[in-house]
Amino acid sequence: MKNMKIYLGIGVAVVAGFFLVAADHIDAPAVAGGTSDITDFYAFQGQNTDNLVFVANVQGLISPANTSDAAFDENVLIEFNIDTDQDNIEDLVIQAIPRNGKMYFFGPSAPSTTGLNSTILIENAKGSVDISQYGESAIIENANQMKFFAGPRDDPFFMDFARYGDIIAGNETEFANPGSDTFAGSNVMSIVVEVPKNLVGSTGTINTWVESKRKQ
């Protein structure tokens, strides 16, 4: 049993419904630029419409030259939180933590505690996947009706930070079309898990957010 505590790896977004995207590149001062810095969170219906897909990206702005050396931090737990009764408290969690070149997944299961502290749900291990290497084919594993991926990916988020700065400064009033993608050509470390809907609640509506928690 391992206790983990948020180092403020930011809980990104709360949403119900079909598709969610939230991003937060280097915005959280306590973790900006570190291995627990969450950049994006996506939740959407899978190609198999009976499934939901959760994606957490961390460690933004990795250059192609540095991507081969990028690695998940074995002291950082990524936790997908799922609220099934609309009280904004996690009823279920899916946990992911790396060890020795693999990403291990636990849940979806009720957490032993809610909030800032977490215990890895070892008794609810659901699968693992070899962490894919940069420039090599993606490795996807199937187990317990779930699918798993972990490894570097192109940053999918589009943001024109220069234009944003101009708007904030009062020099512009709106974004340009098409604008300039600040994240073009940079990479992130991505964790993806696909889960049958019937494992994350049956009401048809959930709230979900993601946290990174560093071992203390």
N, C-alpha and C. Protein backbone atom coordinates (compact mmCIF):
# COMPACT_ATOMS: atom_id res chain seq x y z
N MET A 1 0.84 -1.19 0.00
CA MET A 1 0.00 0.00 0.00
C MET A 1 0.88 1.24 0.00
N LYS A 2 0.61 2.14 -0.88
CA LYS A 2 1.43 3.32 -0.98
C LYS A 2 0.56 4.56 -0.93
N ASN A 3 0.90 5.43 -0.04
CA ASN A 3 0.14 6.67 0.07
C ASN A 3 0.70 7.71 -0.87
N MET A 4 -0.17 8.35 -1.60
CA MET A 4 0.23 9.39 -2.51
C MET A 4 -0.51 10.66 -2.11
N LYS A 5 0.09 11.78 -2.37
CA LYS A 5 -0.53 13.06 -2.04
C LYS A 5 -0.34 14.02 -3.20
N ILE A 6 -1.36 14.80 -3.48
CA ILE A 6 -1.25 15.79 -4.54
C ILE A 6 -0.15 16.77 -4.24
N TYR A 7 0.71 17.03 -5.21
CA TYR A 7 1.65 18.11 -5.09
C TYR A 7 1.11 19.26 -5.90
N LEU A 8 0.05 19.34 -6.12
CA LEU A 8 -0.70 20.23 -6.94
C LEU A 8 -0.45 19.99 -8.40
N GLY A 9 -0.74 18.82 -8.75
CA GLY A 9 -0.66 18.49 -10.16
C GLY A 9 -1.94 18.84 -10.82
N ILE A 10 -2.63 19.68 -10.42
CA ILE A 10 -3.84 20.28 -10.96
C ILE A 10 -4.92 19.26 -11.31
N GLY A 11 -6.08 19.46 -10.80
CA GLY A 11 -7.23 18.70 -11.23
C GLY A 11 -7.86 19.46 -12.37
N VAL A 12 -7.90 18.86 -13.51
CA VAL A 12 -8.35 19.60 -14.68
C VAL A 12 -9.79 19.28 -15.00
N ALA A 13 -10.63 20.23 -14.93
CA ALA A 13 -11.97 20.24 -15.49
C ALA A 13 -12.95 19.23 -14.94
N VAL A 14 -14.15 19.64 -14.94
CA VAL A 14 -15.27 18.80 -14.54
C VAL A 14 -16.32 18.89 -15.64
N VAL A 15 -16.79 17.77 -16.12
CA VAL A 15 -17.76 17.83 -17.19
C VAL A 15 -18.60 16.58 -17.22
N ALA A 16 -19.76 16.70 -17.74
CA ALA A 16 -20.59 15.54 -17.98
C ALA A 16 -20.90 15.48 -19.46
N GLY A 17 -21.09 14.29 -19.97
CA GLY A 17 -21.49 14.21 -21.36
C GLY A 17 -20.53 13.42 -22.20
N PHE A 18 -20.54 13.69 -23.49
CA PHE A 18 -19.87 12.86 -24.45
C PHE A 18 -18.39 13.15 -24.62
N PHE A 19 -18.06 14.41 -24.69
CA PHE A 19 -16.68 14.76 -25.03
C PHE A 19 -16.21 15.90 -24.15
N LEU A 20 -15.04 15.73 -23.60
CA LEU A 20 -14.45 16.75 -22.75
C LEU A 20 -13.02 16.96 -23.18
N VAL A 21 -12.62 18.21 -23.25
CA VAL A 21 -11.22 18.51 -23.41
C VAL A 21 -10.89 19.67 -22.48
N ALA A 22 -9.78 19.56 -21.79
CA ALA A 22 -9.32 20.63 -20.93
C ALA A 22 -7.80 20.65 -20.99
N ALA A 23 -7.24 21.82 -20.95
CA ALA A 23 -5.79 21.92 -21.06
C ALA A 23 -5.25 22.95 -20.09
N ASP A 24 -4.02 22.74 -19.69
CA ASP A 24 -3.41 23.60 -18.70
C ASP A 24 -1.91 23.44 -18.82
N HIS A 25 -1.33 24.09 -19.80
CA HIS A 25 0.11 23.94 -20.00
C HIS A 25 0.86 24.91 -19.11
N ILE A 26 1.75 24.38 -18.30
CA ILE A 26 2.68 25.11 -17.43
C ILE A 26 1.99 26.27 -16.70
N ASP A 27 0.77 26.03 -16.22
CA ASP A 27 0.04 27.07 -15.50
C ASP A 27 0.10 26.92 -13.99
N ALA A 28 0.36 25.70 -13.49
CA ALA A 28 0.36 25.48 -12.05
C ALA A 28 1.77 25.71 -11.51
N PRO A 29 2.00 26.77 -10.74
CA PRO A 29 3.38 27.13 -10.35
C PRO A 29 4.14 26.02 -9.62
N ALA A 30 3.44 25.23 -8.80
CA ALA A 30 4.14 24.24 -7.99
C ALA A 30 4.70 23.09 -8.82
N VAL A 31 4.14 22.88 -10.02
CA VAL A 31 4.57 21.72 -10.80
C VAL A 31 4.97 22.09 -12.23
N ALA A 32 4.87 23.36 -12.59
CA ALA A 32 5.10 23.77 -13.98
C ALA A 32 6.44 23.26 -14.49
N GLY A 33 6.38 22.60 -15.62
CA GLY A 33 7.59 22.10 -16.24
C GLY A 33 8.14 20.83 -15.63
N GLY A 34 7.48 20.30 -14.61
CA GLY A 34 7.96 19.08 -13.95
C GLY A 34 7.29 17.84 -14.48
N THR A 35 7.61 16.71 -13.87
CA THR A 35 7.10 15.43 -14.36
C THR A 35 5.65 15.18 -13.96
N SER A 36 5.10 15.99 -13.05
CA SER A 36 3.70 15.81 -12.66
C SER A 36 2.80 16.89 -13.27
N ASP A 37 3.34 17.68 -14.16
CA ASP A 37 2.59 18.80 -14.76
C ASP A 37 1.64 18.27 -15.82
N ILE A 38 0.34 18.35 -15.55
CA ILE A 38 -0.68 17.90 -16.50
C ILE A 38 -0.87 18.97 -17.56
N THR A 39 -0.89 18.55 -18.81
CA THR A 39 -1.12 19.51 -19.91
C THR A 39 -2.54 19.41 -20.46
N ASP A 40 -3.05 18.23 -20.62
CA ASP A 40 -4.37 18.04 -21.23
C ASP A 40 -5.10 16.88 -20.59
N PHE A 41 -6.42 16.99 -20.61
CA PHE A 41 -7.28 15.89 -20.19
C PHE A 41 -8.40 15.77 -21.21
N TYR A 42 -8.60 14.56 -21.72
CA TYR A 42 -9.67 14.30 -22.67
C TYR A 42 -10.51 13.13 -22.16
N ALA A 43 -11.81 13.20 -22.35
CA ALA A 43 -12.70 12.07 -22.07
C ALA A 43 -13.75 12.06 -23.17
N PHE A 44 -13.92 10.93 -23.82
CA PHE A 44 -14.84 10.88 -24.95
C PHE A 44 -15.30 9.44 -25.18
N GLN A 45 -16.37 9.33 -25.94
CA GLN A 45 -16.87 8.01 -26.30
C GLN A 45 -15.91 7.34 -27.29
N GLY A 46 -15.64 6.06 -27.08
CA GLY A 46 -14.70 5.35 -27.92
C GLY A 46 -15.28 4.98 -29.27
N GLN A 47 -14.41 4.49 -30.14
CA GLN A 47 -14.88 3.97 -31.43
C GLN A 47 -15.90 2.88 -31.19
N ASN A 48 -15.65 2.06 -30.19
CA ASN A 48 -16.67 1.15 -29.66
C ASN A 48 -17.57 1.99 -28.77
N THR A 49 -18.78 2.26 -29.20
CA THR A 49 -19.65 3.21 -28.50
C THR A 49 -20.10 2.71 -27.14
N ASP A 50 -19.76 1.50 -26.78
CA ASP A 50 -20.04 1.01 -25.43
C ASP A 50 -18.94 1.42 -24.45
N ASN A 51 -17.89 2.08 -24.96
CA ASN A 51 -16.73 2.40 -24.13
C ASN A 51 -16.52 3.90 -24.01
N LEU A 52 -15.84 4.30 -22.93
CA LEU A 52 -15.34 5.66 -22.75
C LEU A 52 -13.82 5.62 -22.76
N VAL A 53 -13.21 6.69 -23.27
CA VAL A 53 -11.76 6.79 -23.32
C VAL A 53 -11.33 7.98 -22.46
N PHE A 54 -10.36 7.75 -21.60
CA PHE A 54 -9.78 8.80 -20.78
C PHE A 54 -8.31 8.98 -21.18
N VAL A 55 -7.90 10.23 -21.37
CA VAL A 55 -6.53 10.53 -21.76
C VAL A 55 -5.97 11.61 -20.85
N ALA A 56 -4.83 11.35 -20.24
CA ALA A 56 -4.12 12.37 -19.47
C ALA A 56 -2.75 12.56 -20.08
N ASN A 57 -2.43 13.80 -20.43
CA ASN A 57 -1.12 14.14 -20.95
C ASN A 57 -0.35 14.93 -19.91
N VAL A 58 0.93 14.63 -19.76
CA VAL A 58 1.79 15.33 -18.79
C VAL A 58 3.09 15.73 -19.49
N GLN A 59 3.85 16.61 -18.80
CA GLN A 59 5.18 17.01 -19.27
C GLN A 59 5.12 17.65 -20.66
N GLY A 60 4.46 18.79 -20.75
CA GLY A 60 4.31 19.43 -22.04
C GLY A 60 5.59 20.07 -22.57
N LEU A 61 5.48 20.47 -23.84
CA LEU A 61 6.55 21.20 -24.52
C LEU A 61 7.86 20.42 -24.59
N ILE A 62 7.77 19.10 -24.75
CA ILE A 62 8.97 18.29 -24.95
C ILE A 62 9.38 18.41 -26.42
N SER A 63 10.60 18.83 -26.66
CA SER A 63 11.06 18.97 -28.04
C SER A 63 11.30 17.58 -28.63
N PRO A 64 11.22 17.44 -29.95
CA PRO A 64 11.54 16.14 -30.57
C PRO A 64 12.94 15.65 -30.18
N ALA A 65 13.89 16.58 -30.05
CA ALA A 65 15.25 16.18 -29.71
C ALA A 65 15.35 15.60 -28.31
N ASN A 66 14.44 15.99 -27.42
CA ASN A 66 14.49 15.53 -26.04
C ASN A 66 13.49 14.42 -25.73
N THR A 67 12.65 14.07 -26.68
CA THR A 67 11.56 13.13 -26.40
C THR A 67 12.08 11.72 -26.08
N SER A 68 13.15 11.31 -26.74
CA SER A 68 13.67 9.96 -26.47
C SER A 68 14.11 9.80 -25.02
N ASP A 69 14.51 10.90 -24.40
CA ASP A 69 14.97 10.84 -23.01
C ASP A 69 13.86 11.11 -22.00
N ALA A 70 12.68 11.51 -22.47
CA ALA A 70 11.57 11.79 -21.56
C ALA A 70 11.05 10.48 -20.97
N ALA A 71 10.63 10.55 -19.72
CA ALA A 71 10.14 9.34 -19.05
C ALA A 71 9.08 9.72 -18.02
N PHE A 72 8.17 8.80 -17.76
CA PHE A 72 7.23 8.98 -16.67
C PHE A 72 7.98 8.89 -15.34
N ASP A 73 7.51 9.63 -14.36
CA ASP A 73 8.12 9.66 -13.03
C ASP A 73 7.49 8.56 -12.17
N GLU A 74 8.31 7.66 -11.65
CA GLU A 74 7.78 6.53 -10.85
C GLU A 74 7.24 6.99 -9.50
N ASN A 75 7.45 8.24 -9.15
CA ASN A 75 6.88 8.77 -7.90
C ASN A 75 5.61 9.56 -8.13
N VAL A 76 5.11 9.55 -9.35
CA VAL A 76 3.91 10.31 -9.68
C VAL A 76 2.79 9.37 -10.11
N LEU A 77 1.69 9.45 -9.38
CA LEU A 77 0.49 8.69 -9.70
C LEU A 77 -0.46 9.59 -10.50
N ILE A 78 -0.98 9.07 -11.60
CA ILE A 78 -2.02 9.76 -12.35
C ILE A 78 -3.35 9.11 -11.98
N GLU A 79 -4.30 9.94 -11.59
CA GLU A 79 -5.58 9.42 -11.10
C GLU A 79 -6.74 10.09 -11.85
N PHE A 80 -7.49 9.28 -12.59
CA PHE A 80 -8.72 9.74 -13.22
C PHE A 80 -9.85 9.60 -12.20
N ASN A 81 -10.54 10.70 -11.93
CA ASN A 81 -11.62 10.71 -10.94
C ASN A 81 -12.96 10.71 -11.66
N ILE A 82 -13.91 9.94 -11.15
CA ILE A 82 -15.22 9.82 -11.78
C ILE A 82 -16.29 9.99 -10.70
N ASP A 83 -17.11 11.01 -10.87
CA ASP A 83 -18.22 11.27 -9.95
C ASP A 83 -19.50 10.82 -10.63
N THR A 84 -20.18 9.86 -10.03
CA THR A 84 -21.36 9.28 -10.67
C THR A 84 -22.67 9.80 -10.10
N ASP A 85 -22.62 10.56 -9.00
CA ASP A 85 -23.89 11.02 -8.38
C ASP A 85 -23.98 12.53 -8.27
N GLN A 86 -23.15 13.22 -9.03
CA GLN A 86 -23.27 14.68 -9.19
C GLN A 86 -22.99 15.48 -7.93
N ASP A 87 -22.17 14.93 -7.02
CA ASP A 87 -21.80 15.72 -5.84
C ASP A 87 -20.37 16.23 -5.93
N ASN A 88 -19.74 16.01 -7.08
CA ASN A 88 -18.37 16.48 -7.34
C ASN A 88 -17.35 15.86 -6.39
N ILE A 89 -17.65 14.70 -5.90
CA ILE A 89 -16.69 13.89 -5.12
C ILE A 89 -16.50 12.58 -5.86
N GLU A 90 -15.26 12.17 -6.00
CA GLU A 90 -15.00 10.96 -6.79
C GLU A 90 -15.62 9.72 -6.14
N ASP A 91 -16.43 9.01 -6.93
CA ASP A 91 -16.99 7.73 -6.50
C ASP A 91 -16.13 6.57 -6.99
N LEU A 92 -15.46 6.80 -8.12
CA LEU A 92 -14.58 5.80 -8.70
C LEU A 92 -13.29 6.49 -9.14
N VAL A 93 -12.20 5.73 -9.13
CA VAL A 93 -10.94 6.24 -9.68
C VAL A 93 -10.32 5.18 -10.56
N ILE A 94 -9.59 5.64 -11.55
CA ILE A 94 -8.69 4.79 -12.34
C ILE A 94 -7.29 5.34 -12.10
N GLN A 95 -6.40 4.50 -11.62
CA GLN A 95 -5.05 4.94 -11.27
C GLN A 95 -4.04 4.36 -12.25
N ALA A 96 -3.02 5.14 -12.53
CA ALA A 96 -1.93 4.68 -13.41
C ALA A 96 -0.60 5.09 -12.80
N ILE A 97 0.32 4.15 -12.71
CA ILE A 97 1.64 4.48 -12.16
C ILE A 97 2.70 3.63 -12.87
N PRO A 98 3.84 4.24 -13.23
CA PRO A 98 4.88 3.51 -13.96
C PRO A 98 5.85 2.78 -13.04
N ARG A 99 6.34 1.66 -13.52
CA ARG A 99 7.40 0.92 -12.85
C ARG A 99 8.21 0.14 -13.89
N ASN A 100 9.51 0.41 -13.94
CA ASN A 100 10.42 -0.40 -14.75
C ASN A 100 9.95 -0.60 -16.19
N GLY A 101 9.58 0.50 -16.82
CA GLY A 101 9.23 0.43 -18.24
C GLY A 101 7.81 0.04 -18.54
N LYS A 102 7.00 -0.17 -17.53
CA LYS A 102 5.59 -0.50 -17.72
C LYS A 102 4.71 0.52 -17.01
N MET A 103 3.50 0.71 -17.52
CA MET A 103 2.48 1.49 -16.83
C MET A 103 1.45 0.52 -16.30
N TYR A 104 1.18 0.61 -14.99
CA TYR A 104 0.23 -0.30 -14.33
C TYR A 104 -1.07 0.47 -14.04
N PHE A 105 -2.19 -0.21 -14.24
CA PHE A 105 -3.50 0.41 -14.09
C PHE A 105 -4.32 -0.31 -13.01
N PHE A 106 -5.06 0.50 -12.23
CA PHE A 106 -5.89 -0.02 -11.14
C PHE A 106 -7.27 0.63 -11.23
N GLY A 107 -8.32 -0.14 -11.00
CA GLY A 107 -9.68 0.37 -11.10
C GLY A 107 -10.21 0.29 -12.53
N PRO A 108 -11.43 0.82 -12.75
CA PRO A 108 -12.18 1.73 -11.89
C PRO A 108 -12.72 1.05 -10.64
N SER A 109 -12.46 1.70 -9.50
CA SER A 109 -12.88 1.19 -8.20
C SER A 109 -13.10 2.37 -7.27
N ALA A 110 -13.88 2.12 -6.23
CA ALA A 110 -14.07 3.16 -5.22
C ALA A 110 -12.74 3.42 -4.52
N PRO A 111 -12.37 4.68 -4.34
CA PRO A 111 -11.10 4.99 -3.67
C PRO A 111 -11.20 4.71 -2.18
N SER A 112 -10.06 4.43 -1.57
CA SER A 112 -10.05 4.21 -0.13
C SER A 112 -10.25 5.52 0.62
N THR A 113 -9.81 6.60 0.01
CA THR A 113 -10.05 7.94 0.54
C THR A 113 -10.33 8.87 -0.63
N THR A 114 -11.04 9.96 -0.37
CA THR A 114 -11.27 10.95 -1.41
C THR A 114 -10.43 12.19 -1.11
N GLY A 115 -10.30 13.03 -2.10
CA GLY A 115 -9.57 14.27 -1.88
C GLY A 115 -8.11 14.16 -2.22
N LEU A 116 -7.26 14.83 -1.43
CA LEU A 116 -5.87 15.02 -1.79
C LEU A 116 -4.99 13.79 -1.64
N ASN A 117 -5.34 12.87 -0.75
CA ASN A 117 -4.52 11.70 -0.53
C ASN A 117 -5.11 10.48 -1.23
N SER A 118 -4.23 9.61 -1.69
CA SER A 118 -4.69 8.39 -2.35
C SER A 118 -3.85 7.21 -1.92
N THR A 119 -4.47 6.06 -1.95
CA THR A 119 -3.78 4.80 -1.76
C THR A 119 -3.93 3.99 -3.02
N ILE A 120 -2.83 3.45 -3.51
CA ILE A 120 -2.91 2.65 -4.73
C ILE A 120 -3.74 1.41 -4.46
N LEU A 121 -4.71 1.18 -5.35
CA LEU A 121 -5.68 0.10 -5.17
C LEU A 121 -5.11 -1.21 -5.71
N ILE A 122 -4.11 -1.71 -5.02
CA ILE A 122 -3.38 -2.88 -5.51
C ILE A 122 -4.29 -4.08 -5.73
N GLU A 123 -5.29 -4.20 -4.89
CA GLU A 123 -6.19 -5.35 -5.01
C GLU A 123 -7.09 -5.26 -6.23
N ASN A 124 -7.10 -4.08 -6.89
CA ASN A 124 -7.93 -3.89 -8.08
C ASN A 124 -7.09 -3.65 -9.32
N ALA A 125 -5.95 -4.30 -9.40
CA ALA A 125 -5.11 -4.20 -10.60
C ALA A 125 -5.86 -4.74 -11.80
N LYS A 126 -5.85 -3.96 -12.90
CA LYS A 126 -6.63 -4.36 -14.08
C LYS A 126 -5.78 -4.63 -15.31
N GLY A 127 -4.52 -4.20 -15.29
CA GLY A 127 -3.69 -4.47 -16.45
C GLY A 127 -2.45 -3.61 -16.47
N SER A 128 -1.60 -3.86 -17.43
CA SER A 128 -0.38 -3.07 -17.60
C SER A 128 -0.01 -3.06 -19.07
N VAL A 129 0.86 -2.11 -19.42
CA VAL A 129 1.30 -2.02 -20.81
C VAL A 129 2.76 -1.55 -20.81
N ASP A 130 3.56 -2.11 -21.71
CA ASP A 130 4.92 -1.60 -21.89
C ASP A 130 4.83 -0.16 -22.37
N ILE A 131 5.63 0.72 -21.80
CA ILE A 131 5.63 2.12 -22.22
C ILE A 131 6.24 2.23 -23.61
N SER A 132 5.48 2.76 -24.55
CA SER A 132 5.95 2.88 -25.93
C SER A 132 7.13 3.84 -26.00
N GLN A 133 8.04 3.56 -26.93
CA GLN A 133 9.22 4.39 -27.10
C GLN A 133 9.04 5.34 -28.27
N TYR A 134 9.67 6.49 -28.17
CA TYR A 134 9.55 7.52 -29.20
C TYR A 134 10.04 7.00 -30.54
N GLY A 135 9.23 7.20 -31.55
CA GLY A 135 9.61 6.78 -32.90
C GLY A 135 9.28 5.34 -33.21
N GLU A 136 8.76 4.60 -32.25
CA GLU A 136 8.39 3.21 -32.46
C GLU A 136 6.88 3.06 -32.44
N SER A 137 6.40 1.92 -32.92
CA SER A 137 4.96 1.70 -32.98
C SER A 137 4.34 1.72 -31.58
N ALA A 138 3.14 2.25 -31.51
CA ALA A 138 2.44 2.31 -30.23
C ALA A 138 2.09 0.90 -29.75
N ILE A 139 2.29 0.66 -28.47
CA ILE A 139 1.94 -0.62 -27.85
C ILE A 139 0.62 -0.45 -27.11
N ILE A 140 -0.35 -1.28 -27.44
CA ILE A 140 -1.66 -1.25 -26.79
C ILE A 140 -1.95 -2.63 -26.22
N GLU A 141 -2.36 -2.66 -24.96
CA GLU A 141 -2.68 -3.93 -24.32
C GLU A 141 -4.17 -3.98 -23.99
N ASN A 142 -4.72 -5.17 -24.04
CA ASN A 142 -6.12 -5.42 -23.68
C ASN A 142 -6.16 -6.34 -22.47
N ALA A 143 -6.98 -6.01 -21.50
CA ALA A 143 -7.17 -6.87 -20.33
C ALA A 143 -8.43 -6.45 -19.60
N ASN A 144 -9.17 -7.40 -19.12
CA ASN A 144 -10.37 -7.12 -18.31
C ASN A 144 -11.33 -6.14 -19.01
N GLN A 145 -11.53 -6.32 -20.30
CA GLN A 145 -12.42 -5.49 -21.12
C GLN A 145 -11.91 -4.08 -21.29
N MET A 146 -10.67 -3.80 -20.90
CA MET A 146 -10.11 -2.46 -20.99
C MET A 146 -8.91 -2.45 -21.93
N LYS A 147 -8.54 -1.26 -22.42
CA LYS A 147 -7.37 -1.09 -23.27
C LYS A 147 -6.46 -0.05 -22.63
N PHE A 148 -5.14 -0.23 -22.83
CA PHE A 148 -4.17 0.64 -22.16
C PHE A 148 -3.06 1.07 -23.12
N PHE A 149 -2.63 2.34 -22.96
CA PHE A 149 -1.47 2.86 -23.70
C PHE A 149 -0.74 3.83 -22.79
N ALA A 150 0.58 3.90 -22.93
CA ALA A 150 1.39 4.92 -22.26
C ALA A 150 2.63 5.18 -23.09
N GLY A 151 2.93 6.46 -23.29
CA GLY A 151 4.13 6.79 -24.05
C GLY A 151 4.05 8.18 -24.64
N PRO A 152 5.09 8.59 -25.37
CA PRO A 152 5.10 9.94 -25.96
C PRO A 152 4.15 10.04 -27.14
N ARG A 153 3.54 11.22 -27.25
CA ARG A 153 2.63 11.54 -28.37
C ARG A 153 2.82 13.00 -28.75
N ASP A 154 2.47 13.32 -29.96
CA ASP A 154 2.44 14.72 -30.38
C ASP A 154 1.39 15.46 -29.54
N ASP A 155 1.73 16.65 -29.06
CA ASP A 155 0.76 17.42 -28.27
C ASP A 155 -0.44 17.78 -29.15
N PRO A 156 -1.63 17.30 -28.80
CA PRO A 156 -2.79 17.53 -29.66
C PRO A 156 -3.46 18.87 -29.45
N PHE A 157 -3.03 19.61 -28.44
CA PHE A 157 -3.76 20.84 -28.11
C PHE A 157 -3.29 22.00 -28.97
N PHE A 158 -4.23 22.84 -29.40
CA PHE A 158 -3.92 24.02 -30.21
C PHE A 158 -4.14 25.27 -29.37
N MET A 159 -3.12 26.12 -29.31
CA MET A 159 -3.26 27.38 -28.58
C MET A 159 -2.30 28.39 -29.16
N ASP A 160 -2.82 29.56 -29.48
CA ASP A 160 -1.99 30.66 -29.99
C ASP A 160 -1.67 31.57 -28.81
N PHE A 161 -0.58 31.25 -28.11
CA PHE A 161 -0.25 31.98 -26.90
C PHE A 161 0.16 33.43 -27.20
N ALA A 162 0.84 33.65 -28.31
CA ALA A 162 1.26 35.01 -28.64
C ALA A 162 0.04 35.90 -28.85
N ARG A 163 -0.94 35.36 -29.59
CA ARG A 163 -2.15 36.15 -29.82
C ARG A 163 -2.91 36.35 -28.52
N TYR A 164 -2.92 35.29 -27.70
CA TYR A 164 -3.58 35.39 -26.39
C TYR A 164 -2.96 36.53 -25.57
N GLY A 165 -1.62 36.61 -25.60
CA GLY A 165 -0.95 37.68 -24.87
C GLY A 165 -1.32 39.05 -25.40
N ASP A 166 -1.46 39.13 -26.73
CA ASP A 166 -1.86 40.41 -27.33
C ASP A 166 -3.27 40.80 -26.89
N ILE A 167 -4.15 39.81 -26.81
CA ILE A 167 -5.53 40.10 -26.39
C ILE A 167 -5.55 40.58 -24.94
N ILE A 168 -4.80 39.86 -24.09
CA ILE A 168 -4.75 40.24 -22.68
C ILE A 168 -4.18 41.65 -22.50
N ALA A 169 -3.20 41.98 -23.35
CA ALA A 169 -2.56 43.30 -23.26
C ALA A 169 -3.41 44.40 -23.88
N GLY A 170 -4.49 44.01 -24.53
CA GLY A 170 -5.36 45.00 -25.13
C GLY A 170 -4.93 45.41 -26.52
N ASN A 171 -3.96 44.69 -27.09
CA ASN A 171 -3.49 45.04 -28.43
C ASN A 171 -4.31 44.41 -29.54
N GLU A 172 -5.05 43.35 -29.21
CA GLU A 172 -5.93 42.68 -30.16
C GLU A 172 -7.25 42.39 -29.45
N THR A 173 -8.27 42.16 -30.25
CA THR A 173 -9.59 41.90 -29.64
C THR A 173 -10.05 40.47 -29.83
N GLU A 174 -9.41 39.72 -30.72
CA GLU A 174 -9.85 38.35 -30.97
C GLU A 174 -8.70 37.54 -31.55
N PHE A 175 -8.86 36.22 -31.53
CA PHE A 175 -7.85 35.33 -32.10
C PHE A 175 -7.88 35.41 -33.61
N ALA A 176 -6.73 35.21 -34.23
CA ALA A 176 -6.64 35.18 -35.68
C ALA A 176 -7.11 33.82 -36.18
N ASN A 177 -7.52 33.79 -37.41
CA ASN A 177 -7.93 32.53 -38.03
C ASN A 177 -7.08 32.30 -39.27
N PRO A 178 -6.16 31.29 -39.28
CA PRO A 178 -6.14 30.15 -38.37
C PRO A 178 -5.28 30.34 -37.12
N GLY A 179 -4.52 31.37 -37.01
CA GLY A 179 -3.65 31.54 -35.86
C GLY A 179 -2.39 30.70 -35.96
N SER A 180 -1.59 30.74 -34.90
CA SER A 180 -0.33 30.01 -34.88
C SER A 180 -0.29 29.11 -33.65
N ASP A 181 -0.10 27.81 -33.86
CA ASP A 181 -0.14 26.85 -32.77
C ASP A 181 1.17 26.85 -32.01
N THR A 182 1.14 27.35 -30.78
CA THR A 182 2.33 27.40 -29.94
C THR A 182 2.91 26.02 -29.68
N PHE A 183 2.06 25.00 -29.67
CA PHE A 183 2.51 23.65 -29.32
C PHE A 183 2.87 22.79 -30.53
N ALA A 184 2.79 23.36 -31.71
CA ALA A 184 3.11 22.59 -32.91
C ALA A 184 4.53 22.04 -32.83
N GLY A 185 4.68 20.77 -33.08
CA GLY A 185 5.99 20.15 -33.09
C GLY A 185 6.51 19.72 -31.73
N SER A 186 5.76 20.01 -30.66
CA SER A 186 6.19 19.57 -29.33
C SER A 186 5.41 18.31 -28.92
N ASN A 187 5.96 17.60 -27.97
CA ASN A 187 5.38 16.33 -27.55
C ASN A 187 4.98 16.34 -26.08
N VAL A 188 4.20 15.35 -25.70
CA VAL A 188 3.78 15.14 -24.31
C VAL A 188 3.94 13.66 -23.98
N MET A 189 3.88 13.35 -22.70
CA MET A 189 3.81 11.95 -22.28
C MET A 189 2.34 11.64 -21.98
N SER A 190 1.81 10.62 -22.63
CA SER A 190 0.38 10.39 -22.64
C SER A 190 0.01 9.05 -21.99
N ILE A 191 -1.08 9.08 -21.25
CA ILE A 191 -1.64 7.87 -20.64
C ILE A 191 -3.07 7.74 -21.12
N VAL A 192 -3.42 6.59 -21.70
CA VAL A 192 -4.74 6.39 -22.28
C VAL A 192 -5.33 5.10 -21.74
N VAL A 193 -6.58 5.18 -21.31
CA VAL A 193 -7.28 3.97 -20.87
C VAL A 193 -8.70 4.00 -21.43
N GLU A 194 -9.11 2.90 -22.02
CA GLU A 194 -10.47 2.76 -22.56
C GLU A 194 -11.23 1.78 -21.69
N VAL A 195 -12.44 2.19 -21.27
CA VAL A 195 -13.19 1.46 -20.25
C VAL A 195 -14.63 1.25 -20.70
N PRO A 196 -15.21 0.09 -20.51
CA PRO A 196 -16.64 -0.07 -20.78
C PRO A 196 -17.47 0.89 -19.93
N LYS A 197 -18.47 1.49 -20.54
CA LYS A 197 -19.31 2.44 -19.81
C LYS A 197 -19.94 1.83 -18.57
N ASN A 198 -20.27 0.55 -18.65
CA ASN A 198 -20.96 -0.06 -17.52
C ASN A 198 -20.05 -0.22 -16.30
N LEU A 199 -18.75 0.07 -16.45
CA LEU A 199 -17.85 0.02 -15.31
C LEU A 199 -17.70 1.38 -14.62
N VAL A 200 -18.25 2.43 -15.23
CA VAL A 200 -18.09 3.77 -14.65
C VAL A 200 -19.44 4.44 -14.36
N GLY A 201 -20.44 3.63 -14.07
CA GLY A 201 -21.72 4.19 -13.69
C GLY A 201 -22.77 3.94 -14.74
N SER A 202 -24.01 3.88 -14.30
CA SER A 202 -25.10 3.53 -15.19
C SER A 202 -26.12 4.65 -15.35
N THR A 203 -25.84 5.85 -14.80
CA THR A 203 -26.83 6.92 -14.86
C THR A 203 -26.82 7.66 -16.19
N GLY A 204 -25.76 7.46 -16.98
CA GLY A 204 -25.65 8.17 -18.25
C GLY A 204 -24.94 9.49 -18.13
N THR A 205 -24.67 9.94 -16.92
CA THR A 205 -23.98 11.22 -16.73
C THR A 205 -22.91 11.06 -15.66
N ILE A 206 -21.72 11.55 -15.95
CA ILE A 206 -20.65 11.53 -14.97
C ILE A 206 -19.94 12.89 -14.99
N ASN A 207 -19.29 13.20 -13.90
CA ASN A 207 -18.30 14.27 -13.87
C ASN A 207 -16.94 13.59 -13.79
N THR A 208 -15.96 14.17 -14.42
CA THR A 208 -14.65 13.53 -14.39
C THR A 208 -13.55 14.58 -14.41
N TRP A 209 -12.46 14.30 -13.75
CA TRP A 209 -11.29 15.18 -13.73
C TRP A 209 -10.08 14.30 -13.45
N VAL A 210 -8.90 14.88 -13.65
CA VAL A 210 -7.68 14.11 -13.48
C VAL A 210 -6.74 14.85 -12.54
N GLU A 211 -5.98 14.09 -11.78
CA GLU A 211 -5.00 14.65 -10.86
C GLU A 211 -3.68 13.91 -11.02
N SER A 212 -2.59 14.62 -10.73
CA SER A 212 -1.31 13.96 -10.55
C SER A 212 -0.95 14.08 -9.07
N LYS A 213 -0.46 12.97 -8.51
CA LYS A 213 -0.17 12.94 -7.08
C LYS A 213 1.24 12.38 -6.88
N ARG A 214 2.05 13.15 -6.18
CA ARG A 214 3.44 12.75 -5.97
C ARG A 214 3.60 12.05 -4.63
N LYS A 215 4.38 10.98 -4.63
CA LYS A 215 4.66 10.23 -3.40
C LYS A 215 5.37 11.13 -2.40
N GLN A 216 4.89 11.10 -1.16
CA GLN A 216 5.46 11.95 -0.11
C GLN A 216 6.27 11.12 0.86
